[in-house]
């Protein structure tokens, strides 16, 4: 049969929030099966679906939108609205089918849990990215992830959230020449069900153990010691404009802060013909069971210290 249908990603819609900037995405039903043999038989004689654990994983530069949903603890309950993943049909001998036409495809989760796993940014390696997973739960009635074909599209794609590495401050001093920032939220997510159900019905954050790494060029960072306390820390993502950088004084940047923790020298490396770089590891800690170890100061802030 010749190829007759092709589609591409349109976006993820939840209530009034539409995510339409992606660098990667993957939807998986994660089907676990039972394959069984009768005694002495060389070939299986039974196959059954044991568990279905669907997830949507994606990487996006739309970091402000994600953080406005999750906050610094990196989780958001999306079950107040359907979470719809749309695929847009392409048109043979043309480019795209009209959004209002019923040519397109939808995967719907009625009960979903968004987890922000990681944010990365670099000085000269392109724009900052957020790595996320959406866990789809059974609500007691609807399949956790249901396909519908022949639908019109919802949500208007836009590409207006772009960030790169900004200044990084540690213990009231600006780090010299930061090259890379990696905020790993260290998410430990519980997924559970019962009674032999095919689907999970419960998702929760068990622990979040964040670690931040910053790569800097100067080796003088070693003068602070192999390990030392964090008394203050400001981590910025710089907003990009069409003509370059949004001005530092304009409140459109993203800021994280780490009020307490341990900083350690990770490594200094390079070869005989290149400059050295040093990795600084920051391990945020919390003062209580309600105080976050890493704080989202704002998703629209000026760059100061």
Protein backbone atom coordinates (compact mmCIF):
# COMPACT_ATOMS: atom_id res chain seq x y z
CA UNK A 1 0.00 0.00 0.00
CA UNK A 2 1.46 3.41 -0.90
CA UNK A 3 1.96 5.99 1.83
CA UNK A 4 -1.17 8.11 2.13
CA UNK A 5 -1.09 9.69 5.62
CA UNK A 6 1.65 11.66 7.34
CA UNK A 7 1.37 13.85 10.43
CA UNK A 8 3.61 16.02 12.59
CA UNK A 9 3.42 17.35 16.13
CA UNK A 10 1.09 20.30 16.71
CA UNK A 11 1.33 20.76 20.48
CA UNK A 12 0.12 19.87 23.98
CA UNK A 13 -2.98 21.66 25.29
CA UNK A 14 -4.10 21.73 28.93
CA UNK A 15 -6.78 24.28 29.75
CA UNK A 16 -5.45 27.65 28.61
CA UNK A 17 -1.84 26.44 28.49
CA UNK A 18 -0.49 25.44 25.09
CA UNK A 19 3.02 24.04 24.61
CA UNK A 20 4.08 24.35 20.99
CA UNK A 21 7.89 24.64 21.12
CA UNK A 22 9.63 21.27 21.07
CA UNK A 23 13.08 19.90 20.39
CA UNK A 24 11.94 16.32 20.99
CA UNK A 25 8.83 14.39 22.02
CA UNK A 26 7.85 10.78 22.53
CA UNK A 27 4.58 9.14 23.55
CA UNK A 28 4.78 5.58 24.84
CA UNK A 29 2.04 3.29 26.19
CA UNK A 30 4.77 1.25 27.95
CA UNK A 31 2.87 -2.00 27.57
CA UNK A 32 4.05 -4.89 29.74
CA UNK A 33 3.02 -8.32 28.49
CA UNK A 34 2.66 -11.88 29.75
CA UNK A 35 4.05 -14.45 27.30
CA UNK A 36 3.58 -18.07 28.44
CA UNK A 37 4.54 -21.57 27.31
CA UNK A 38 2.86 -24.83 28.13
CA UNK A 39 5.15 -27.47 29.68
CA UNK A 40 7.60 -28.85 27.17
CA UNK A 41 6.40 -26.62 24.33
CA UNK A 42 9.04 -24.71 22.33
CA UNK A 43 6.68 -21.90 21.32
CA UNK A 44 4.46 -19.58 23.38
CA UNK A 45 0.76 -20.42 23.48
CA UNK A 46 -0.54 -17.45 25.47
CA UNK A 47 -0.03 -13.69 25.26
CA UNK A 48 -1.76 -11.02 27.32
CA UNK A 49 -1.41 -7.39 28.31
CA UNK A 50 -0.27 -7.22 31.94
CA UNK A 51 0.15 -3.46 32.51
CA UNK A 52 -0.17 -0.23 30.52
CA UNK A 53 1.82 2.73 31.90
CA UNK A 54 1.53 5.56 29.35
CA UNK A 55 3.77 8.62 29.42
CA UNK A 56 4.47 11.65 27.28
CA UNK A 57 8.10 12.79 27.35
CA UNK A 58 9.32 15.96 25.72
CA UNK A 59 12.03 18.59 25.69
CA UNK A 60 11.03 22.21 25.17
CA UNK A 61 12.58 25.69 25.19
CA UNK A 62 9.22 26.98 26.51
CA UNK A 63 10.67 27.10 30.01
CA UNK A 64 8.61 29.97 31.44
CA UNK A 65 5.37 28.17 30.56
CA UNK A 66 6.58 24.98 32.25
CA UNK A 67 7.80 26.78 35.39
CA UNK A 68 4.58 28.78 35.67
CA UNK A 69 2.80 25.40 35.88
CA UNK A 70 5.18 23.55 38.17
CA UNK A 71 7.05 26.07 40.31
CA UNK A 72 10.47 25.10 41.68
CA UNK A 73 9.29 21.76 43.05
CA UNK A 74 8.83 20.69 39.44
CA UNK A 75 5.39 19.06 39.62
CA UNK A 76 1.89 20.03 38.50
CA UNK A 77 -1.52 18.35 38.69
CA UNK A 78 -3.03 18.72 35.20
CA UNK A 79 -6.25 16.84 35.92
CA UNK A 80 -8.34 20.03 36.15
CA UNK A 81 -8.53 19.88 32.35
CA UNK A 82 -7.90 17.32 29.64
CA UNK A 83 -4.30 17.10 28.50
CA UNK A 84 -4.43 16.75 24.71
CA UNK A 85 -1.51 15.94 22.44
CA UNK A 86 -2.34 16.92 18.87
CA UNK A 87 -0.77 15.70 15.66
CA UNK A 88 -1.33 17.76 12.53
CA UNK A 89 -1.96 16.03 9.21
CA UNK A 90 0.19 17.03 6.26
CA UNK A 91 -1.36 17.39 2.84
CA UNK A 92 -0.08 15.44 -0.15
CA UNK A 93 1.55 17.71 -2.74
CA UNK A 94 1.25 20.61 -0.28
CA UNK A 95 2.37 21.25 3.31
CA UNK A 96 -0.27 21.17 6.11
CA UNK A 97 -3.95 20.43 6.36
CA UNK A 98 -6.11 23.31 7.62
CA UNK A 99 -6.25 23.37 11.43
CA UNK A 100 -10.04 23.72 11.44
CA UNK A 101 -10.54 20.69 9.21
CA UNK A 102 -11.17 17.27 10.76
CA UNK A 103 -8.02 15.71 9.35
CA UNK A 104 -5.98 15.51 12.49
CA UNK A 105 -5.24 13.19 15.44
CA UNK A 106 -5.48 13.56 19.22
CA UNK A 107 -4.20 11.62 22.22
CA UNK A 108 -6.11 12.63 25.37
CA UNK A 109 -5.26 12.12 29.05
CA UNK A 110 -8.09 13.04 31.41
CA UNK A 111 -5.89 12.72 34.51
CA UNK A 112 -2.25 13.73 34.15
CA UNK A 113 0.76 14.67 36.27
CA UNK A 114 3.51 16.90 34.86
CA UNK A 115 7.06 16.44 36.16
CA UNK A 116 9.93 18.80 35.33
CA UNK A 117 13.10 16.74 35.42
CA UNK A 118 15.90 18.96 34.19
CA UNK A 119 16.80 22.39 32.83
CA UNK A 120 19.98 22.91 30.82
CA UNK A 121 21.53 26.06 29.35
CA UNK A 122 24.85 26.93 27.75
CA UNK A 123 26.79 29.98 26.68
CA UNK A 124 27.25 29.02 23.04
CA UNK A 125 25.38 25.74 22.60
CA UNK A 126 21.95 27.05 21.65
CA UNK A 127 18.97 27.84 23.79
CA UNK A 128 17.99 26.56 27.22
CA UNK A 129 15.79 23.46 27.40
CA UNK A 130 13.40 21.89 29.90
CA UNK A 131 13.09 18.10 30.01
CA UNK A 132 9.64 16.92 31.15
CA UNK A 133 7.45 13.84 31.58
CA UNK A 134 3.66 13.69 31.74
CA UNK A 135 2.37 10.64 33.60
CA UNK A 136 -1.12 9.55 32.52
CA UNK A 137 -3.45 8.03 35.18
CA UNK A 138 -6.69 6.07 35.10
CA UNK A 139 -9.56 8.20 36.40
CA UNK A 140 -11.88 5.25 36.94
CA UNK A 141 -13.74 5.70 33.66
CA UNK A 142 -11.51 6.78 30.80
CA UNK A 143 -8.41 5.07 29.51
CA UNK A 144 -5.34 7.03 30.68
CA UNK A 145 -4.41 7.80 27.08
CA UNK A 146 -7.14 7.64 24.43
CA UNK A 147 -6.75 8.13 20.68
CA UNK A 148 -9.25 10.02 18.55
CA UNK A 149 -8.87 10.52 14.81
CA UNK A 150 -10.56 12.95 12.45
CA UNK A 151 -10.51 15.94 14.79
CA UNK A 152 -9.89 19.64 14.34
CA UNK A 153 -6.90 21.18 16.09
CA UNK A 154 -7.00 23.40 19.17
CA UNK A 155 -4.28 25.75 20.31
CA UNK A 156 -2.36 28.35 18.32
CA UNK A 157 1.35 27.55 17.91
CA UNK A 158 3.80 30.32 18.81
CA UNK A 159 7.56 30.54 19.22
CA UNK A 160 8.20 33.43 21.58
CA UNK A 161 9.92 31.88 24.62
CA UNK A 162 13.65 31.57 24.13
CA UNK A 163 16.30 31.67 26.85
CA UNK A 164 20.02 31.10 27.12
CA UNK A 165 22.58 31.07 29.90
CA UNK A 166 22.62 34.15 32.11
CA UNK A 167 24.91 35.34 34.93
CA UNK A 168 25.49 33.00 37.88
CA UNK A 169 26.20 34.31 41.39
CA UNK A 170 27.59 32.30 44.29
CA UNK A 171 28.06 33.65 47.83
CA UNK A 172 27.55 37.24 46.64
CA UNK A 173 30.18 36.96 43.87
CA UNK A 174 29.52 36.61 40.14
CA UNK A 175 31.12 33.50 38.68
CA UNK A 176 33.69 34.31 36.02
CA UNK A 177 32.82 33.03 32.54
CA UNK A 178 30.14 30.39 33.15
CA UNK A 179 29.76 28.12 30.14
CA UNK A 180 27.05 25.61 31.09
CA UNK A 181 24.27 25.28 33.65
CA UNK A 182 22.50 22.02 34.49
CA UNK A 183 19.68 21.97 37.04
CA UNK A 184 18.80 18.34 37.72
CA UNK A 185 15.73 18.28 39.95
CA UNK A 186 16.43 14.69 41.04
CA UNK A 187 12.78 13.67 40.86
CA UNK A 188 11.67 10.41 42.49
CA UNK A 189 8.11 9.75 41.34
CA UNK A 190 5.83 7.05 42.75
CA UNK A 191 3.53 5.32 40.25
CA UNK A 192 0.94 2.99 41.72
CA UNK A 193 -2.21 1.01 41.15
CA UNK A 194 -3.86 -2.09 42.62
CA UNK A 195 -6.33 -4.93 42.30
CA UNK A 196 -4.76 -6.14 39.08
CA UNK A 197 -5.84 -3.03 37.18
CA UNK A 198 -4.08 -2.45 33.88
CA UNK A 199 -3.49 1.21 34.68
CA UNK A 200 -1.89 3.27 37.44
CA UNK A 201 -4.30 5.42 39.45
CA UNK A 202 -1.89 7.29 41.73
CA UNK A 203 1.19 9.45 41.08
CA UNK A 204 3.13 11.49 43.62
CA UNK A 205 6.51 13.06 44.20
CA UNK A 206 8.32 10.99 46.82
CA UNK A 207 11.53 13.00 46.91
CA UNK A 208 13.28 15.79 45.07
CA UNK A 209 17.06 15.87 45.48
CA UNK A 210 18.28 18.65 43.19
CA UNK A 211 21.85 19.07 42.05
CA UNK A 212 23.15 22.02 40.07
CA UNK A 213 26.34 21.95 38.02
CA UNK A 214 28.01 25.03 36.57
CA UNK A 215 30.99 24.85 34.22
CA UNK A 216 33.40 27.79 34.41
CA UNK A 217 36.66 28.45 32.59
CA UNK A 218 38.91 30.00 35.27
CA UNK A 219 40.64 27.50 37.58
CA UNK A 220 40.76 30.12 40.36
CA UNK A 221 37.49 28.73 41.68
CA UNK A 222 39.68 26.20 43.49
CA UNK A 223 40.76 28.99 45.86
CA UNK A 224 37.41 28.68 47.67
CA UNK A 225 38.32 25.14 48.75
CA UNK A 226 37.38 21.66 47.62
CA UNK A 227 34.02 22.03 49.38
CA UNK A 228 32.37 25.02 51.03
CA UNK A 229 28.99 26.20 52.32
CA UNK A 230 26.49 28.04 50.15
CA UNK A 231 25.16 31.15 51.85
CA UNK A 232 23.49 32.59 48.75
CA UNK A 233 23.22 31.66 45.09
CA UNK A 234 21.43 33.21 42.11
CA UNK A 235 21.06 31.32 38.83
CA UNK A 236 19.75 33.22 35.80
CA UNK A 237 18.36 32.21 32.45
CA UNK A 238 18.61 35.13 30.03
CA UNK A 239 15.63 35.96 27.81
CA UNK A 240 16.36 36.36 24.12
CA UNK A 241 14.79 38.95 21.85
CA UNK A 242 14.68 39.12 18.07
CA UNK A 243 17.64 41.49 18.07
CA UNK A 244 19.77 39.66 20.65
CA UNK A 245 19.42 39.76 24.43
CA UNK A 246 16.63 41.31 26.46
CA UNK A 247 18.21 44.05 28.59
CA UNK A 248 19.27 43.01 32.10
CA UNK A 249 17.00 45.65 33.65
CA UNK A 250 13.91 44.32 31.86
CA UNK A 251 11.84 41.94 33.99
CA UNK A 252 11.65 39.04 31.51
CA UNK A 253 14.44 36.76 32.75
CA UNK A 254 14.19 33.64 34.93
CA UNK A 255 15.88 33.42 38.33
CA UNK A 256 16.47 30.51 40.69
CA UNK A 257 18.05 30.90 44.10
CA UNK A 258 19.72 28.43 46.46
CA UNK A 259 19.67 29.73 50.06
CA UNK A 260 21.66 26.89 51.65
CA UNK A 261 23.71 23.87 50.69
CA UNK A 262 27.15 22.54 49.85
CA UNK A 263 29.34 23.50 46.89
CA UNK A 264 32.05 21.10 45.70
CA UNK A 265 34.70 21.13 43.03
CA UNK A 266 33.80 18.44 40.52
CA UNK A 267 36.69 18.36 38.07
CA UNK A 268 39.03 20.50 36.03
CA UNK A 269 39.84 19.17 32.61
CA UNK A 270 41.28 19.97 29.22
CA UNK A 271 43.98 18.74 26.89
CA UNK A 272 47.32 20.13 25.87
CA UNK A 273 45.89 22.32 23.15
CA UNK A 274 42.68 23.61 24.77
CA UNK A 275 41.73 25.70 27.77
CA UNK A 276 40.81 24.08 31.06
CA UNK A 277 37.28 24.23 32.43
CA UNK A 278 36.11 23.47 35.94
CA UNK A 279 32.82 21.92 37.00
CA UNK A 280 31.30 23.26 40.20
CA UNK A 281 28.63 21.08 41.85
CA UNK A 282 25.99 22.69 44.05
CA UNK A 283 23.95 20.53 46.41
CA UNK A 284 20.96 22.53 47.72
CA UNK A 285 19.46 21.58 51.09
CA UNK A 286 16.22 22.52 52.82
CA UNK A 287 15.66 24.06 56.25
CA UNK A 288 12.36 22.20 56.76
CA UNK A 289 9.92 19.78 55.16
CA UNK A 290 8.07 22.70 53.55
CA UNK A 291 10.99 24.90 52.45
CA UNK A 292 12.19 24.14 48.92
CA UNK A 293 15.95 23.59 48.54
CA UNK A 294 15.93 25.45 45.23
CA UNK A 295 13.62 28.44 44.88
CA UNK A 296 12.06 29.82 41.73
CA UNK A 297 12.38 33.54 42.45
CA UNK A 298 10.50 34.60 39.33
CA UNK A 299 9.90 33.74 35.68
CA UNK A 300 9.88 37.46 34.81
CA UNK A 301 12.62 39.28 36.70
CA UNK A 302 15.44 41.73 36.02
CA UNK A 303 19.01 40.48 36.28
CA UNK A 304 20.70 41.96 39.34
CA UNK A 305 22.68 39.71 41.74
